[in-house]
Amino acid sequence: MGLFDKLKKIVRNKPQTEEQQVKEALYDVGLKKTREEFVSKLSRLGIKYTRINDAYFEELEDLLISADIGVSTVFSFLERLKQRVKKERIENTKDLNEVIVDELFIIYVNNESLTTKINIVENSPTIILMVGVNGVGKTTTIAKLAYKYKKEGKKVMLIAADTFRAGAVEQLKIWANKTESLFYGCDNIDPAGVIFDGLEMAKQQNADIVLIDTAGRLQNKVNLMKELEKMNKVIDRIIPGAPHETLLVMDASTGQNGIMQAQSFKEITKITGIVLTKLDGTAKGGIVLAIKETVNIPVKFVGLGEGMEDLQTFDIEEYIYGLFKDMM
């Protein structure tokens, strides 16, 4: 049984709790644009070419690149695909579709155990540092994470360390009120100082989860690196071993530009996971595979809509199934 068949079995046999049904529905709707664009073209390609040849592979290459899987990822993927075609003597394009799904799954898994779980610590606040450029949905992502952890019964605190962008502190304060979270923030002062005071308050208030917003600029990497280094030192001084997670928020619709952002942030600080927002608003959902192949950082959450419930833990099986369910 190939990965394609195993995937169908895994997804279809998952226990259908209400939470799982919601998750499946969100992945289904959230990946609709990519699925309609990518799978429909793949199906038409199979009708146009009943037999596999060089012209088929050329069109498949264009199709994969248009899904924003990434040029280097596509080239290595096609090389493996051609090897399997030769080894398994595949001639029919319909049979090849199953191998394509198998190989896309392998790109992400690749015999590695990239965990999507957040490193929650006991007997101390779990500190999650949020980074990313302006406009990617960082503040609303923090609000959605606060909402998620509040629903799980956690005591959540938001710290506004983006102290110089006009309205950033007030915006996060509004979200703190809406999610009934603790809040600390001050305008126009050193972000590291805000974090110091905020974490002291978090300890006094026995917060379980602390989400720290940071400035969303990348134009001057040297300054940002120094700022993040200072923040990390302050965090570690107040809570040794923290931050426990540093999550990079990326907008899925920015495609390869988002990949460059991930590479830049990876150069200046340790990123433990990626939150991919607005996946429902793009037909380029293949960026998930490009992220894995290019920067090797796990996607931990995906934004599949605008609602508070629409930020979901990333699930590679649901993702691949959501892309290819019409072929299964």
Protein backbone atom coordinates (compact mmCIF):
# COMPACT_ATOMS: atom_id res chain seq x y z
CA MET A 1 0.00 0.00 0.00
CA GLY A 2 1.45 3.38 -1.06
CA LEU A 3 1.37 6.55 1.02
CA PHE A 4 -1.57 7.74 -1.09
CA ASP A 5 -3.72 4.79 0.05
CA LYS A 6 -2.41 4.93 3.63
CA LEU A 7 -3.32 8.62 3.78
CA LYS A 8 -6.89 7.93 2.68
CA LYS A 9 -7.16 5.24 5.34
CA ILE A 10 -5.64 7.40 8.10
CA VAL A 11 -7.85 10.42 7.44
CA ARG A 12 -11.05 8.45 6.91
CA ASN A 13 -10.52 6.32 10.02
CA LYS A 14 -9.71 9.19 12.39
CA PRO A 15 -12.15 9.36 15.32
CA GLN A 16 -14.87 11.82 14.30
CA THR A 17 -15.11 13.95 17.42
CA GLU A 18 -16.81 17.31 17.04
CA GLU A 19 -13.38 18.99 17.19
CA GLN A 20 -12.07 16.72 14.40
CA GLN A 21 -15.12 17.43 12.24
CA VAL A 22 -14.55 21.18 12.66
CA LYS A 23 -10.86 20.75 11.80
CA GLU A 24 -11.64 18.74 8.64
CA ALA A 25 -14.23 21.30 7.55
CA LEU A 26 -11.77 24.18 8.07
CA TYR A 27 -9.02 22.44 6.09
CA ASP A 28 -11.54 21.61 3.37
CA VAL A 29 -12.71 25.22 3.01
CA GLY A 30 -9.31 26.75 3.72
CA LEU A 31 -7.59 24.82 0.95
CA LYS A 32 -10.43 25.17 -1.55
CA LYS A 33 -8.73 27.80 -3.72
CA THR A 34 -5.48 25.84 -3.97
CA ARG A 35 -7.33 22.55 -4.52
CA GLU A 36 -9.52 23.95 -7.30
CA GLU A 37 -6.58 25.61 -9.02
CA PHE A 38 -3.99 22.85 -8.59
CA VAL A 39 -5.95 19.60 -8.71
CA SER A 40 -8.21 20.68 -11.57
CA LYS A 41 -5.13 21.55 -13.66
CA LEU A 42 -3.47 18.28 -12.66
CA SER A 43 -6.59 16.38 -13.75
CA ARG A 44 -6.71 18.24 -17.07
CA LEU A 45 -3.04 17.44 -17.57
CA GLY A 46 -3.86 13.76 -17.13
CA ILE A 47 -6.58 14.02 -19.79
CA LYS A 48 -4.33 15.91 -22.21
CA TYR A 49 -1.50 13.39 -21.83
CA THR A 50 -2.57 9.77 -21.47
CA ARG A 51 1.07 8.74 -21.63
CA ILE A 52 3.99 10.20 -19.67
CA ASN A 53 6.53 12.08 -21.78
CA ASP A 54 8.86 15.11 -21.61
CA ALA A 55 6.06 17.53 -22.59
CA TYR A 56 3.96 16.22 -19.68
CA PHE A 57 6.80 16.81 -17.21
CA GLU A 58 7.37 20.34 -18.54
CA GLU A 59 3.72 21.27 -17.96
CA LEU A 60 3.75 19.56 -14.56
CA GLU A 61 6.79 21.66 -13.63
CA ASP A 62 4.94 24.88 -14.51
CA LEU A 63 1.90 23.72 -12.56
CA LEU A 64 3.91 22.95 -9.41
CA ILE A 65 5.75 26.27 -9.55
CA SER A 66 2.43 28.13 -9.95
CA ALA A 67 1.25 26.50 -6.70
CA ASP A 68 4.24 28.21 -5.03
CA ILE A 69 5.97 25.00 -4.05
CA GLY A 70 9.24 26.72 -4.98
CA VAL A 71 11.58 26.27 -7.93
CA SER A 72 14.35 24.31 -6.17
CA THR A 73 11.77 22.09 -4.43
CA VAL A 74 10.03 21.44 -7.76
CA PHE A 75 13.29 20.48 -9.52
CA SER A 76 14.29 17.95 -6.84
CA PHE A 77 10.71 16.68 -6.68
CA LEU A 78 10.56 16.09 -10.46
CA GLU A 79 13.91 14.32 -10.37
CA ARG A 80 12.57 11.84 -7.79
CA LEU A 81 9.34 11.50 -9.74
CA LYS A 82 11.17 10.61 -12.96
CA GLN A 83 13.25 8.03 -11.09
CA ARG A 84 10.11 6.39 -9.74
CA VAL A 85 8.48 6.41 -13.17
CA LYS A 86 11.49 4.60 -14.56
CA LYS A 87 11.90 2.19 -11.64
CA GLU A 88 8.20 1.31 -11.33
CA ARG A 89 7.64 1.43 -15.11
CA ILE A 90 4.73 3.85 -14.80
CA GLU A 91 3.29 4.80 -18.18
CA ASN A 92 -0.22 6.04 -17.40
CA THR A 93 -0.67 9.59 -16.10
CA LYS A 94 -3.59 8.47 -13.91
CA ASP A 95 -1.30 6.07 -12.05
CA LEU A 96 1.28 8.83 -11.75
CA ASN A 97 -1.17 11.10 -9.88
CA GLU A 98 -0.98 8.76 -6.87
CA VAL A 99 2.81 8.85 -6.98
CA ILE A 100 2.69 12.69 -7.10
CA VAL A 101 0.65 12.74 -3.88
CA ASP A 102 3.05 10.24 -2.29
CA GLU A 103 6.09 12.33 -3.19
CA LEU A 104 4.57 15.63 -2.01
CA PHE A 105 3.83 13.97 1.33
CA ILE A 106 7.43 12.68 1.47
CA ILE A 107 8.77 16.25 0.89
CA TYR A 108 7.24 17.33 4.18
CA VAL A 109 7.76 14.20 6.28
CA ASN A 110 11.15 13.10 4.84
CA ASN A 111 11.67 10.56 7.66
CA GLU A 112 11.81 13.40 10.19
CA SER A 113 9.61 14.03 13.20
CA LEU A 114 8.99 17.77 12.92
CA THR A 115 6.64 18.37 15.81
CA THR A 116 3.73 20.78 15.56
CA LYS A 117 3.31 20.78 19.34
CA ILE A 118 4.04 23.89 21.37
CA ASN A 119 6.61 23.39 24.12
CA ILE A 120 4.38 23.94 27.16
CA VAL A 121 6.35 23.99 30.43
CA GLU A 122 5.18 23.06 33.91
CA ASN A 123 5.50 25.21 37.07
CA SER A 124 6.37 28.35 35.08
CA PRO A 125 4.76 30.59 32.50
CA THR A 126 5.27 29.29 28.95
CA ILE A 127 6.79 32.19 27.01
CA ILE A 128 5.96 32.46 23.31
CA LEU A 129 7.78 35.22 21.40
CA MET A 130 5.95 36.28 18.22
CA VAL A 131 7.96 37.75 15.32
CA GLY A 132 7.17 38.75 11.74
CA VAL A 133 6.94 41.76 9.43
CA ASN A 134 4.06 44.22 9.57
CA GLY A 135 0.90 43.30 7.71
CA VAL A 136 1.10 39.50 8.04
CA GLY A 137 -1.57 39.27 10.74
CA LYS A 138 0.74 38.97 13.76
CA THR A 139 -1.47 40.82 16.25
CA THR A 140 -4.66 38.97 15.27
CA THR A 141 -2.71 35.69 15.39
CA ILE A 142 -1.70 36.49 18.98
CA ALA A 143 -5.38 37.16 19.77
CA LYS A 144 -6.40 33.82 18.21
CA LEU A 145 -3.72 31.97 20.20
CA ALA A 146 -4.90 33.74 23.38
CA TYR A 147 -8.47 32.67 22.58
CA LYS A 148 -7.33 29.06 21.96
CA TYR A 149 -5.43 28.79 25.25
CA LYS A 150 -8.20 30.52 27.23
CA LYS A 151 -10.61 27.89 25.90
CA GLU A 152 -8.21 25.23 27.18
CA GLY A 153 -8.46 26.76 30.65
CA LYS A 154 -5.08 28.52 30.65
CA LYS A 155 -4.39 31.87 32.26
CA VAL A 156 -3.07 33.95 29.36
CA MET A 157 -1.12 37.19 29.30
CA LEU A 158 -0.27 39.46 26.35
CA ILE A 159 2.82 41.71 26.41
CA ALA A 160 3.02 44.57 23.88
CA ALA A 161 6.73 44.86 23.03
CA ASP A 162 6.02 46.54 19.68
CA THR A 163 6.32 49.90 21.41
CA PHE A 164 7.02 52.31 18.55
CA ARG A 165 4.41 51.48 15.88
CA ALA A 166 1.51 53.88 16.26
CA GLY A 167 -1.46 52.19 17.89
CA ALA A 168 0.23 48.79 18.32
CA VAL A 169 0.05 48.76 22.14
CA GLU A 170 -3.58 49.90 22.19
CA GLN A 171 -4.51 47.35 19.51
CA LEU A 172 -3.09 44.49 21.56
CA LYS A 173 -4.77 45.82 24.71
CA ILE A 174 -8.15 45.69 22.93
CA TRP A 175 -7.51 42.06 21.98
CA ALA A 176 -6.46 41.27 25.56
CA ASN A 177 -9.82 42.65 26.78
CA LYS A 178 -11.74 40.71 24.11
CA THR A 179 -10.02 37.44 25.03
CA GLU A 180 -10.13 38.17 28.77
CA SER A 181 -6.34 37.95 28.97
CA LEU A 182 -3.94 39.80 31.28
CA PHE A 183 -2.08 42.64 29.59
CA TYR A 184 1.07 44.70 29.96
CA GLY A 185 2.35 47.39 27.60
CA CYS A 186 3.70 50.94 27.35
CA ASP A 187 4.21 53.24 24.36
CA ASN A 188 7.54 54.70 23.17
CA ILE A 189 9.91 52.95 25.56
CA ASP A 190 12.54 50.23 25.20
CA PRO A 191 10.82 46.92 24.28
CA ALA A 192 13.18 44.92 26.53
CA GLY A 193 12.09 47.05 29.50
CA VAL A 194 8.43 46.35 28.73
CA ILE A 195 9.18 42.63 28.57
CA PHE A 196 11.06 42.76 31.90
CA ASP A 197 8.15 44.42 33.73
CA GLY A 198 5.57 42.32 31.88
CA LEU A 199 7.22 39.02 32.82
CA GLU A 200 7.54 40.07 36.46
CA MET A 201 3.78 40.73 36.39
CA ALA A 202 3.16 37.37 34.67
CA LYS A 203 5.01 35.58 37.49
CA GLN A 204 3.10 37.48 40.18
CA GLN A 205 -0.23 36.71 38.47
CA ASN A 206 0.70 33.04 37.90
CA ALA A 207 0.08 33.23 34.15
CA ASP A 208 0.26 29.92 32.24
CA ILE A 209 0.91 31.31 28.75
CA VAL A 210 2.60 34.61 27.88
CA LEU A 211 2.41 35.84 24.27
CA ILE A 212 4.87 38.63 23.43
CA ASP A 213 4.27 40.89 20.43
CA THR A 214 7.39 42.38 18.79
CA ALA A 215 8.15 45.05 16.18
CA GLY A 216 7.39 43.94 12.65
CA ARG A 217 10.29 45.40 10.73
CA LEU A 218 13.02 43.70 8.75
CA GLN A 219 14.55 46.59 6.81
CA ASN A 220 17.55 46.87 9.13
CA LYS A 221 18.49 43.33 10.12
CA VAL A 222 21.39 44.43 12.32
CA ASN A 223 19.15 46.60 14.53
CA LEU A 224 16.47 43.91 14.70
CA MET A 225 19.03 41.26 15.58
CA LYS A 226 20.35 43.40 18.44
CA GLU A 227 16.82 44.12 19.64
CA LEU A 228 15.84 40.43 19.58
CA GLU A 229 19.11 39.43 21.31
CA LYS A 230 18.38 41.93 24.07
CA MET A 231 14.80 40.65 24.41
CA ASN A 232 15.96 37.04 24.60
CA LYS A 233 18.53 37.89 27.32
CA VAL A 234 15.90 39.69 29.40
CA ILE A 235 13.40 36.84 28.98
CA ASP A 236 16.00 34.23 29.97
CA ARG A 237 17.04 36.32 33.00
CA ILE A 238 13.46 36.47 34.34
CA ILE A 239 12.46 32.93 33.30
CA PRO A 240 15.52 30.72 32.71
CA GLY A 241 15.31 28.69 29.50
CA ALA A 242 12.71 30.99 27.94
CA PRO A 243 11.43 31.87 25.40
CA HIS A 244 10.10 28.34 25.02
CA GLU A 245 8.88 29.08 21.50
CA THR A 246 9.70 31.77 18.93
CA LEU A 247 6.99 31.72 16.27
CA LEU A 248 7.38 33.48 12.94
CA VAL A 249 4.07 34.71 11.50
CA MET A 250 3.93 34.58 7.69
CA ASP A 251 1.23 35.53 5.20
CA ALA A 252 0.64 32.55 2.86
CA SER A 253 -0.44 34.84 0.02
CA THR A 254 3.01 36.51 -0.14
CA GLY A 255 4.44 33.28 -1.55
CA GLN A 256 8.17 33.25 -2.18
CA ASN A 257 8.56 36.66 -0.55
CA GLY A 258 7.39 34.97 2.65
CA ILE A 259 10.10 32.33 2.22
CA MET A 260 12.72 35.10 2.01
CA GLN A 261 11.30 36.59 5.23
CA ALA A 262 11.64 33.19 6.93
CA GLN A 263 15.25 32.87 5.76
CA SER A 264 16.05 36.38 7.03
CA PHE A 265 14.50 35.82 10.46
CA LYS A 266 16.20 32.43 10.74
CA GLU A 267 19.54 34.23 10.26
CA ILE A 268 18.95 36.63 13.15
CA THR A 269 17.16 34.54 15.79
CA LYS A 270 16.20 30.97 16.57
CA ILE A 271 12.76 30.27 15.05
CA THR A 272 11.02 27.19 16.49
CA GLY A 273 7.91 27.27 14.34
CA ILE A 274 5.88 29.10 11.73
CA VAL A 275 2.30 30.37 11.83
CA LEU A 276 1.01 30.57 8.26
CA THR A 277 -1.88 33.03 8.04
CA LYS A 278 -4.44 33.61 5.26
CA LEU A 279 -3.99 30.15 3.73
CA ASP A 280 -7.69 30.22 2.83
CA GLY A 281 -7.22 33.39 0.76
CA THR A 282 -4.65 32.06 -1.70
CA ALA A 283 -4.43 29.47 -4.48
CA LYS A 284 -0.74 29.05 -3.64
CA GLY A 285 -1.09 26.66 -0.71
CA GLY A 286 1.97 24.74 -1.89
CA ILE A 287 4.03 27.25 0.09
CA VAL A 288 3.72 24.88 3.07
CA LEU A 289 5.96 22.41 1.22
CA ALA A 290 8.36 25.14 0.10
CA ILE A 291 8.80 26.31 3.71
CA LYS A 292 9.74 22.82 4.84
CA GLU A 293 12.14 22.24 1.96
CA THR A 294 13.76 25.70 2.08
CA VAL A 295 14.08 26.63 5.76
CA ASN A 296 13.29 23.31 7.51
CA ILE A 297 11.15 24.94 10.20
CA PRO A 298 7.88 23.23 11.12
CA VAL A 299 4.58 24.96 10.38
CA LYS A 300 2.84 24.83 13.77
CA PHE A 301 -0.40 26.70 13.02
CA VAL A 302 -2.32 27.64 9.88
CA GLY A 303 -4.92 30.38 9.48
CA LEU A 304 -7.89 28.94 7.57
CA GLY A 305 -10.32 31.83 7.95
CA GLU A 306 -10.96 35.09 9.78
CA GLY A 307 -12.81 33.70 12.81
CA MET A 308 -11.20 33.13 16.21
CA GLU A 309 -11.61 29.35 15.80
CA ASP A 310 -10.00 29.34 12.36
CA LEU A 311 -6.38 29.19 13.55
CA GLN A 312 -5.67 25.47 13.57
CA THR A 313 -2.74 23.30 14.61
CA PHE A 314 -1.00 22.23 11.41
CA ASP A 315 -1.73 18.64 10.40
CA ILE A 316 0.22 17.35 7.37
CA GLU A 317 -2.29 14.54 6.78
CA GLU A 318 -5.27 16.90 6.79
CA TYR A 319 -3.30 19.30 4.58
CA ILE A 320 -2.46 16.74 1.88
CA TYR A 321 -5.96 15.26 2.10
CA GLY A 322 -7.47 18.75 1.87
CA LEU A 323 -5.46 19.38 -1.31
CA PHE A 324 -6.16 16.08 -3.05
CA LYS A 325 -9.49 14.84 -1.67
CA ASP A 326 -11.16 15.32 -5.07
CA MET A 327 -8.74 12.75 -6.51
CA MET A 328 -9.31 10.20 -3.76
